[in-house]
Amino acid sequence: MTPPESSAIALELERLRGAMEAGFARVDGQLALLVQRGDQTDKTLDDHEKRLDALERTRWPLASIGALTGVAALGVAVWEMAR
């Protein structure tokens, strides 16, 4: 191997190294973005879970109130008929 060939190979290897470093930096940035989006999605899901739990907790009395109103209406109707 002559010195000019050796320097050409070293130059090409340096270019390849630079290309690899740039590619890895780009992939690293994309992975960081995906991690950030995953964290935001987790926070959004947690928020939705909390809101859904709050809705479920406040919703159960509505069915009971509806049933009590129906029973009261039936009682008033029976009372009116008996009069």
PDB file of N, CA and C in Angstrom:
ATOM      1  N   MET A   1       0.850  -1.161   0.000  1.00  0.00           N
ATOM      2  CA  MET A   1       0.000   0.000   0.000  1.00  0.00           C
ATOM      3  C   MET A   1       0.906   1.237   0.000  1.00  0.00           C
ATOM      4  N   THR A   2       0.643   2.129  -0.865  1.00  0.00           N
ATOM      5  CA  THR A   2       1.452   3.343  -0.951  1.00  0.00           C
ATOM      6  C   THR A   2       0.851   4.415  -0.075  1.00  0.00           C
ATOM      7  N   PRO A   3       1.608   5.370   0.347  1.00  0.00           N
ATOM      8  CA  PRO A   3       1.104   6.421   1.227  1.00  0.00           C
ATOM      9  C   PRO A   3      -0.103   7.186   0.685  1.00  0.00           C
ATOM     10  N   PRO A   4      -0.180   7.488  -0.630  1.00  0.00           N
ATOM     11  CA  PRO A   4      -1.383   8.194  -1.097  1.00  0.00           C
ATOM     12  C   PRO A   4      -2.658   7.372  -0.902  1.00  0.00           C
ATOM     13  N   GLU A   5      -2.573   6.064  -1.126  1.00  0.00           N
ATOM     14  CA  GLU A   5      -3.744   5.215  -0.913  1.00  0.00           C
ATOM     15  C   GLU A   5      -4.115   5.176   0.565  1.00  0.00           C
ATOM     16  N   SER A   6      -3.147   5.118   1.409  1.00  0.00           N
ATOM     17  CA  SER A   6      -3.381   5.093   2.845  1.00  0.00           C
ATOM     18  C   SER A   6      -4.081   6.357   3.322  1.00  0.00           C
ATOM     19  N   SER A   7      -3.639   7.494   2.810  1.00  0.00           N
ATOM     20  CA  SER A   7      -4.279   8.745   3.227  1.00  0.00           C
ATOM     21  C   SER A   7      -5.683   8.855   2.656  1.00  0.00           C
ATOM     22  N   ALA A   8      -5.921   8.316   1.452  1.00  0.00           N
ATOM     23  CA  ALA A   8      -7.258   8.338   0.862  1.00  0.00           C
ATOM     24  C   ALA A   8      -8.205   7.468   1.685  1.00  0.00           C
ATOM     25  N   ILE A   9      -7.712   6.319   2.120  1.00  0.00           N
ATOM     26  CA  ILE A   9      -8.532   5.430   2.951  1.00  0.00           C
ATOM     27  C   ILE A   9      -8.837   6.094   4.290  1.00  0.00           C
ATOM     28  N   ALA A  10      -7.822   6.725   4.875  1.00  0.00           N
ATOM     29  CA  ALA A  10      -8.039   7.407   6.156  1.00  0.00           C
ATOM     30  C   ALA A  10      -9.038   8.541   6.004  1.00  0.00           C
ATOM     31  N   LEU A  11      -8.968   9.266   4.888  1.00  0.00           N
ATOM     32  CA  LEU A  11      -9.909  10.361   4.638  1.00  0.00           C
ATOM     33  C   LEU A  11     -11.330   9.823   4.481  1.00  0.00           C
ATOM     34  N   GLU A  12     -11.468   8.743   3.738  1.00  0.00           N
ATOM     35  CA  GLU A  12     -12.800   8.153   3.534  1.00  0.00           C
ATOM     36  C   GLU A  12     -13.355   7.601   4.844  1.00  0.00           C
ATOM     37  N   LEU A  13     -12.499   6.983   5.663  1.00  0.00           N
ATOM     38  CA  LEU A  13     -12.943   6.497   6.972  1.00  0.00           C
ATOM     39  C   LEU A  13     -13.391   7.652   7.857  1.00  0.00           C
ATOM     40  N   GLU A  14     -12.714   8.774   7.785  1.00  0.00           N
ATOM     41  CA  GLU A  14     -13.101   9.943   8.574  1.00  0.00           C
ATOM     42  C   GLU A  14     -14.457  10.476   8.108  1.00  0.00           C
ATOM     43  N   ARG A  15     -14.676  10.458   6.796  1.00  0.00           N
ATOM     44  CA  ARG A  15     -15.984  10.888   6.276  1.00  0.00           C
ATOM     45  C   ARG A  15     -17.090   9.945   6.739  1.00  0.00           C
ATOM     46  N   LEU A  16     -16.807   8.665   6.692  1.00  0.00           N
ATOM     47  CA  LEU A  16     -17.789   7.677   7.170  1.00  0.00           C
ATOM     48  C   LEU A  16     -18.086   7.872   8.653  1.00  0.00           C
ATOM     49  N   ARG A  17     -17.022   8.135   9.405  1.00  0.00           N
ATOM     50  CA  ARG A  17     -17.200   8.366  10.844  1.00  0.00           C
ATOM     51  C   ARG A  17     -18.093   9.581  11.088  1.00  0.00           C
ATOM     52  N   GLY A  18     -17.857  10.656  10.340  1.00  0.00           N
ATOM     53  CA  GLY A  18     -18.684  11.854  10.472  1.00  0.00           C
ATOM     54  C   GLY A  18     -20.134  11.583  10.094  1.00  0.00           C
ATOM     55  N   ALA A  19     -20.325  10.821   9.029  1.00  0.00           N
ATOM     56  CA  ALA A  19     -21.688  10.476   8.611  1.00  0.00           C
ATOM     57  C   ALA A  19     -22.388   9.634   9.675  1.00  0.00           C
ATOM     58  N   MET A  20     -21.652   8.700  10.257  1.00  0.00           N
ATOM     59  CA  MET A  20     -22.231   7.857  11.310  1.00  0.00           C
ATOM     60  C   MET A  20     -22.592   8.679  12.545  1.00  0.00           C
ATOM     61  N   GLU A  21     -21.715   9.597  12.928  1.00  0.00           N
ATOM     62  CA  GLU A  21     -21.988  10.440  14.086  1.00  0.00           C
ATOM     63  C   GLU A  21     -23.216  11.314  13.846  1.00  0.00           C
ATOM     64  N   ALA A  22     -23.329  11.861  12.639  1.00  0.00           N
ATOM     65  CA  ALA A  22     -24.499  12.692  12.310  1.00  0.00           C
ATOM     66  C   ALA A  22     -25.774  11.849  12.329  1.00  0.00           C
ATOM     67  N   GLY A  23     -25.680  10.647  11.786  1.00  0.00           N
ATOM     68  CA  GLY A  23     -26.846   9.755  11.782  1.00  0.00           C
ATOM     69  C   GLY A  23     -27.263   9.365  13.188  1.00  0.00           C
ATOM     70  N   PHE A  24     -26.289   9.037  14.021  1.00  0.00           N
ATOM     71  CA  PHE A  24     -26.606   8.683  15.409  1.00  0.00           C
ATOM     72  C   PHE A  24     -27.185   9.863  16.170  1.00  0.00           C
ATOM     73  N   ALA A  25     -26.694  11.057  15.901  1.00  0.00           N
ATOM     74  CA  ALA A  25     -27.232  12.249  16.563  1.00  0.00           C
ATOM     75  C   ALA A  25     -28.683  12.465  16.148  1.00  0.00           C
ATOM     76  N   ARG A  26     -28.973  12.269  14.864  1.00  0.00           N
ATOM     77  CA  ARG A  26     -30.344  12.433  14.375  1.00  0.00           C
ATOM     78  C   ARG A  26     -31.270  11.386  15.007  1.00  0.00           C
ATOM     79  N   VAL A  27     -30.828  10.151  15.053  1.00  0.00           N
ATOM     80  CA  VAL A  27     -31.630   9.080  15.659  1.00  0.00           C
ATOM     81  C   VAL A  27     -31.828   9.343  17.153  1.00  0.00           C
ATOM     82  N   ASP A  28     -30.780   9.819  17.815  1.00  0.00           N
ATOM     83  CA  ASP A  28     -30.874  10.136  19.244  1.00  0.00           C
ATOM     84  C   ASP A  28     -31.905  11.240  19.474  1.00  0.00           C
ATOM     85  N   GLY A  29     -31.895  12.254  18.618  1.00  0.00           N
ATOM     86  CA  GLY A  29     -32.880  13.338  18.737  1.00  0.00           C
ATOM     87  C   GLY A  29     -34.292  12.834  18.516  1.00  0.00           C
ATOM     88  N   GLN A  30     -34.476  11.957  17.544  1.00  0.00           N
ATOM     89  CA  GLN A  30     -35.804  11.407  17.279  1.00  0.00           C
ATOM     90  C   GLN A  30     -36.282  10.547  18.442  1.00  0.00           C
ATOM     91  N   LEU A  31     -35.374   9.777  19.025  1.00  0.00           N
ATOM     92  CA  LEU A  31     -35.747   8.958  20.182  1.00  0.00           C
ATOM     93  C   LEU A  31     -36.128   9.837  21.377  1.00  0.00           C
ATOM     94  N   ALA A  32     -35.392  10.917  21.569  1.00  0.00           N
ATOM     95  CA  ALA A  32     -35.726  11.837  22.662  1.00  0.00           C
ATOM     96  C   ALA A  32     -37.109  12.440  22.444  1.00  0.00           C
ATOM     97  N   LEU A  33     -37.435  12.782  21.196  1.00  0.00           N
ATOM     98  CA  LEU A  33     -38.755  13.323  20.884  1.00  0.00           C
ATOM     99  C   LEU A  33     -39.845  12.286  21.161  1.00  0.00           C
ATOM    100  N   LEU A  34     -39.590  11.038  20.795  1.00  0.00           N
ATOM    101  CA  LEU A  34     -40.565   9.977  21.059  1.00  0.00           C
ATOM    102  C   LEU A  34     -40.775   9.759  22.553  1.00  0.00           C
ATOM    103  N   VAL A  35     -39.709   9.826  23.317  1.00  0.00           N
ATOM    104  CA  VAL A  35     -39.823   9.682  24.772  1.00  0.00           C
ATOM    105  C   VAL A  35     -40.647  10.826  25.344  1.00  0.00           C
ATOM    106  N   GLN A  36     -40.392  12.037  24.855  1.00  0.00           N
ATOM    107  CA  GLN A  36     -41.147  13.195  25.335  1.00  0.00           C
ATOM    108  C   GLN A  36     -42.633  13.047  24.993  1.00  0.00           C
ATOM    109  N   ARG A  37     -42.930  12.617  23.773  1.00  0.00           N
ATOM    110  CA  ARG A  37     -44.335  12.406  23.390  1.00  0.00           C
ATOM    111  C   ARG A  37     -44.975  11.299  24.221  1.00  0.00           C
ATOM    112  N   GLY A  38     -44.219  10.255  24.520  1.00  0.00           N
ATOM    113  CA  GLY A  38     -44.743   9.183  25.371  1.00  0.00           C
ATOM    114  C   GLY A  38     -45.067   9.692  26.762  1.00  0.00           C
ATOM    115  N   ASP A  39     -44.202  10.536  27.306  1.00  0.00           N
ATOM    116  CA  ASP A  39     -44.463  11.121  28.629  1.00  0.00           C
ATOM    117  C   ASP A  39     -45.712  11.991  28.603  1.00  0.00           C
ATOM    118  N   GLN A  40     -45.866  12.787  27.536  1.00  0.00           N
ATOM    119  CA  GLN A  40     -47.059  13.630  27.421  1.00  0.00           C
ATOM    120  C   GLN A  40     -48.311  12.767  27.308  1.00  0.00           C
ATOM    121  N   THR A  41     -48.228  11.676  26.574  1.00  0.00           N
ATOM    122  CA  THR A  41     -49.365  10.771  26.435  1.00  0.00           C
ATOM    123  C   THR A  41     -49.715  10.144  27.780  1.00  0.00           C
ATOM    124  N   ASP A  42     -48.703   9.755  28.547  1.00  0.00           N
ATOM    125  CA  ASP A  42     -48.954   9.199  29.880  1.00  0.00           C
ATOM    126  C   ASP A  42     -49.649  10.215  30.777  1.00  0.00           C
ATOM    127  N   LYS A  43     -49.206  11.468  30.722  1.00  0.00           N
ATOM    128  CA  LYS A  43     -49.834  12.506  31.535  1.00  0.00           C
ATOM    129  C   LYS A  43     -51.284  12.721  31.107  1.00  0.00           C
ATOM    130  N   THR A  44     -51.516  12.707  29.794  1.00  0.00           N
ATOM    131  CA  THR A  44     -52.880  12.884  29.288  1.00  0.00           C
ATOM    132  C   THR A  44     -53.772  11.727  29.726  1.00  0.00           C
ATOM    133  N   LEU A  45     -53.249  10.507  29.650  1.00  0.00           N
ATOM    134  CA  LEU A  45     -54.032   9.347  30.083  1.00  0.00           C
ATOM    135  C   LEU A  45     -54.339   9.413  31.575  1.00  0.00           C
ATOM    136  N   ASP A  46     -53.366   9.821  32.371  1.00  0.00           N
ATOM    137  CA  ASP A  46     -53.601   9.961  33.811  1.00  0.00           C
ATOM    138  C   ASP A  46     -54.677  11.012  34.081  1.00  0.00           C
ATOM    139  N   ASP A  47     -54.621  12.119  33.346  1.00  0.00           N
ATOM    140  CA  ASP A  47     -55.619  13.170  33.502  1.00  0.00           C
ATOM    141  C   ASP A  47     -57.010  12.657  33.136  1.00  0.00           C
ATOM    142  N   HIS A  48     -57.100  11.908  32.030  1.00  0.00           N
ATOM    143  CA  HIS A  48     -58.395  11.352  31.621  1.00  0.00           C
ATOM    144  C   HIS A  48     -58.921  10.344  32.645  1.00  0.00           C
ATOM    145  N   GLU A  49     -58.025   9.546  33.195  1.00  0.00           N
ATOM    146  CA  GLU A  49     -58.439   8.583  34.221  1.00  0.00           C
ATOM    147  C   GLU A  49     -59.005   9.294  35.444  1.00  0.00           C
ATOM    148  N   LYS A  50     -58.327  10.358  35.876  1.00  0.00           N
ATOM    149  CA  LYS A  50     -58.810  11.114  37.039  1.00  0.00           C
ATOM    150  C   LYS A  50     -60.166  11.745  36.755  1.00  0.00           C
ATOM    151  N   ARG A  51     -60.308  12.305  35.562  1.00  0.00           N
ATOM    152  CA  ARG A  51     -61.584  12.935  35.214  1.00  0.00           C
ATOM    153  C   ARG A  51     -62.705  11.901  35.115  1.00  0.00           C
ATOM    154  N   LEU A  52     -62.397  10.745  34.542  1.00  0.00           N
ATOM    155  CA  LEU A  52     -63.392   9.683  34.431  1.00  0.00           C
ATOM    156  C   LEU A  52     -63.795   9.165  35.809  1.00  0.00           C
ATOM    157  N   ASP A  53     -62.834   8.992  36.693  1.00  0.00           N
ATOM    158  CA  ASP A  53     -63.145   8.568  38.060  1.00  0.00           C
ATOM    159  C   ASP A  53     -64.037   9.586  38.763  1.00  0.00           C
ATOM    160  N   ALA A  54     -63.742  10.868  38.563  1.00  0.00           N
ATOM    161  CA  ALA A  54     -64.559  11.915  39.180  1.00  0.00           C
ATOM    162  C   ALA A  54     -65.979  11.880  38.627  1.00  0.00           C
ATOM    163  N   LEU A  55     -66.121  11.670  37.333  1.00  0.00           N
ATOM    164  CA  LEU A  55     -67.456  11.579  36.739  1.00  0.00           C
ATOM    165  C   LEU A  55     -68.219  10.362  37.262  1.00  0.00           C
ATOM    166  N   GLU A  56     -67.531   9.253  37.390  1.00  0.00           N
ATOM    167  CA  GLU A  56     -68.185   8.046  37.895  1.00  0.00           C
ATOM    168  C   GLU A  56     -68.616   8.224  39.344  1.00  0.00           C
ATOM    169  N   ARG A  57     -67.801   8.902  40.141  1.00  0.00           N
ATOM    170  CA  ARG A  57     -68.164   9.125  41.542  1.00  0.00           C
ATOM    171  C   ARG A  57     -69.382  10.036  41.675  1.00  0.00           C
ATOM    172  N   THR A  58     -69.462  11.053  40.829  1.00  0.00           N
ATOM    173  CA  THR A  58     -70.588  11.992  40.947  1.00  0.00           C
ATOM    174  C   THR A  58     -71.814  11.497  40.218  1.00  0.00           C
ATOM    175  N   ARG A  59     -71.681  10.486  39.391  1.00  0.00           N
ATOM    176  CA  ARG A  59     -72.819  10.019  38.608  1.00  0.00           C
ATOM    177  C   ARG A  59     -73.717   9.055  39.381  1.00  0.00           C
ATOM    178  N   TRP A  60     -73.165   8.267  40.295  1.00  0.00           N
ATOM    179  CA  TRP A  60     -73.976   7.238  40.939  1.00  0.00           C
ATOM    180  C   TRP A  60     -75.179   7.796  41.677  1.00  0.00           C
ATOM    181  N   PRO A  61     -75.144   8.977  42.308  1.00  0.00           N
ATOM    182  CA  PRO A  61     -76.348   9.459  42.983  1.00  0.00           C
ATOM    183  C   PRO A  61     -77.476   9.794  42.005  1.00  0.00           C
ATOM    184  N   LEU A  62     -77.173  10.068  40.757  1.00  0.00           N
ATOM    185  CA  LEU A  62     -78.208  10.413  39.797  1.00  0.00           C
ATOM    186  C   LEU A  62     -79.193   9.267  39.602  1.00  0.00           C
ATOM    187  N   ALA A  63     -78.719   8.060  39.520  1.00  0.00           N
ATOM    188  CA  ALA A  63     -79.608   6.908  39.367  1.00  0.00           C
ATOM    189  C   ALA A  63     -80.470   6.737  40.617  1.00  0.00           C
ATOM    190  N   SER A  64     -79.882   6.924  41.777  1.00  0.00           N
ATOM    191  CA  SER A  64     -80.644   6.798  43.022  1.00  0.00           C
ATOM    192  C   SER A  64     -81.699   7.894  43.123  1.00  0.00           C
ATOM    193  N   ILE A  65     -81.313   9.100  42.749  1.00  0.00           N
ATOM    194  CA  ILE A  65     -82.276  10.210  42.787  1.00  0.00           C
ATOM    195  C   ILE A  65     -83.414   9.956  41.805  1.00  0.00           C
ATOM    196  N   GLY A  66     -83.100   9.437  40.637  1.00  0.00           N
ATOM    197  CA  GLY A  66     -84.139   9.108  39.654  1.00  0.00           C
ATOM    198  C   GLY A  66     -85.073   8.039  40.173  1.00  0.00           C
ATOM    199  N   ALA A  67     -84.538   7.014  40.814  1.00  0.00           N
ATOM    200  CA  ALA A  67     -85.378   5.949  41.361  1.00  0.00           C
ATOM    201  C   ALA A  67     -86.255   6.487  42.486  1.00  0.00           C
ATOM    202  N   LEU A  68     -85.695   7.313  43.369  1.00  0.00           N
ATOM    203  CA  LEU A  68     -86.488   7.891  44.457  1.00  0.00           C
ATOM    204  C   LEU A  68     -87.587   8.806  43.927  1.00  0.00           C
ATOM    205  N   THR A  69     -87.294   9.556  42.879  1.00  0.00           N
ATOM    206  CA  THR A  69     -88.306  10.424  42.275  1.00  0.00           C
ATOM    207  C   THR A  69     -89.434   9.594  41.685  1.00  0.00           C
ATOM    208  N   GLY A  70     -89.086   8.496  41.036  1.00  0.00           N
ATOM    209  CA  GLY A  70     -90.112   7.608  40.476  1.00  0.00           C
ATOM    210  C   GLY A  70     -90.991   7.004  41.554  1.00  0.00           C
ATOM    211  N   VAL A  71     -90.382   6.564  42.630  1.00  0.00           N
ATOM    212  CA  VAL A  71     -91.151   5.986  43.743  1.00  0.00           C
ATOM    213  C   VAL A  71     -92.039   7.051  44.378  1.00  0.00           C
ATOM    214  N   ALA A  72     -91.509   8.257  44.510  1.00  0.00           N
ATOM    215  CA  ALA A  72     -92.318   9.339  45.085  1.00  0.00           C
ATOM    216  C   ALA A  72     -93.490   9.675  44.174  1.00  0.00           C
ATOM    217  N   ALA A  73     -93.283   9.701  42.872  1.00  0.00           N
ATOM    218  CA  ALA A  73     -94.373   9.972  41.931  1.00  0.00           C
ATOM    219  C   ALA A  73     -95.421   8.875  41.995  1.00  0.00           C
ATOM    220  N   LEU A  74     -94.978   7.639  42.105  1.00  0.00           N
ATOM    221  CA  LEU A  74     -95.919   6.533  42.240  1.00  0.00           C
ATOM    222  C   LEU A  74     -96.710   6.662  43.530  1.00  0.00           C
ATOM    223  N   GLY A  75     -96.030   7.035  44.605  1.00  0.00           N
ATOM    224  CA  GLY A  75     -96.722   7.225  45.879  1.00  0.00           C
ATOM    225  C   GLY A  75     -97.759   8.344  45.795  1.00  0.00           C
ATOM    226  N   VAL A  76     -97.419   9.439  45.158  1.00  0.00           N
ATOM    227  CA  VAL A  76     -98.375  10.544  45.001  1.00  0.00           C
ATOM    228  C   VAL A  76     -99.547  10.116  44.135  1.00  0.00           C
ATOM    229  N   ALA A  77     -99.293   9.365  43.067  1.00  0.00           N
ATOM    230  CA  ALA A  77    -100.366   8.895  42.191  1.00  0.00           C
ATOM    231  C   ALA A  77    -101.301   7.959  42.948  1.00  0.00           C
ATOM    232  N   VAL A  78    -100.759   7.046  43.729  1.00  0.00           N
ATOM    233  CA  VAL A  78    -101.601   6.128  44.517  1.00  0.00           C
ATOM    234  C   VAL A  78    -102.383   6.918  45.554  1.00  0.00           C
ATOM    235  N   TRP A  79    -101.757   7.896  46.165  1.00  0.00           N
ATOM    236  CA  TRP A  79    -102.435   8.710  47.180  1.00  0.00           C
ATOM    237  C   TRP A  79    -103.585   9.496  46.550  1.00  0.00           C
ATOM    238  N   GLU A  80    -103.376  10.032  45.350  1.00  0.00           N
ATOM    239  CA  GLU A  80    -104.416  10.772  44.645  1.00  0.00           C
ATOM    240  C   GLU A  80    -105.566   9.863  44.274  1.00  0.00           C
ATOM    241  N   MET A  81    -105.286   8.633  43.872  1.00  0.00           N
ATOM    242  CA  MET A  81    -106.356   7.698  43.510  1.00  0.00           C
ATOM    243  C   MET A  81    -107.178   7.282  44.729  1.00  0.00           C
ATOM    244  N   ALA A  82    -106.503   7.185  45.858  1.00  0.00           N
ATOM    245  CA  ALA A  82    -107.176   6.736  47.072  1.00  0.00           C
ATOM    246  C   ALA A  82    -108.065   7.851  47.637  1.00  0.00           C
ATOM    247  N   ARG A  83    -107.836   9.060  47.314  1.00  0.00           N
ATOM    248  CA  ARG A  83    -108.626  10.166  47.830  1.00  0.00           C
ATOM    249  C   ARG A  83    -109.962  10.228  47.269  1.00  0.00           C
TER     250      ARG A  83
END
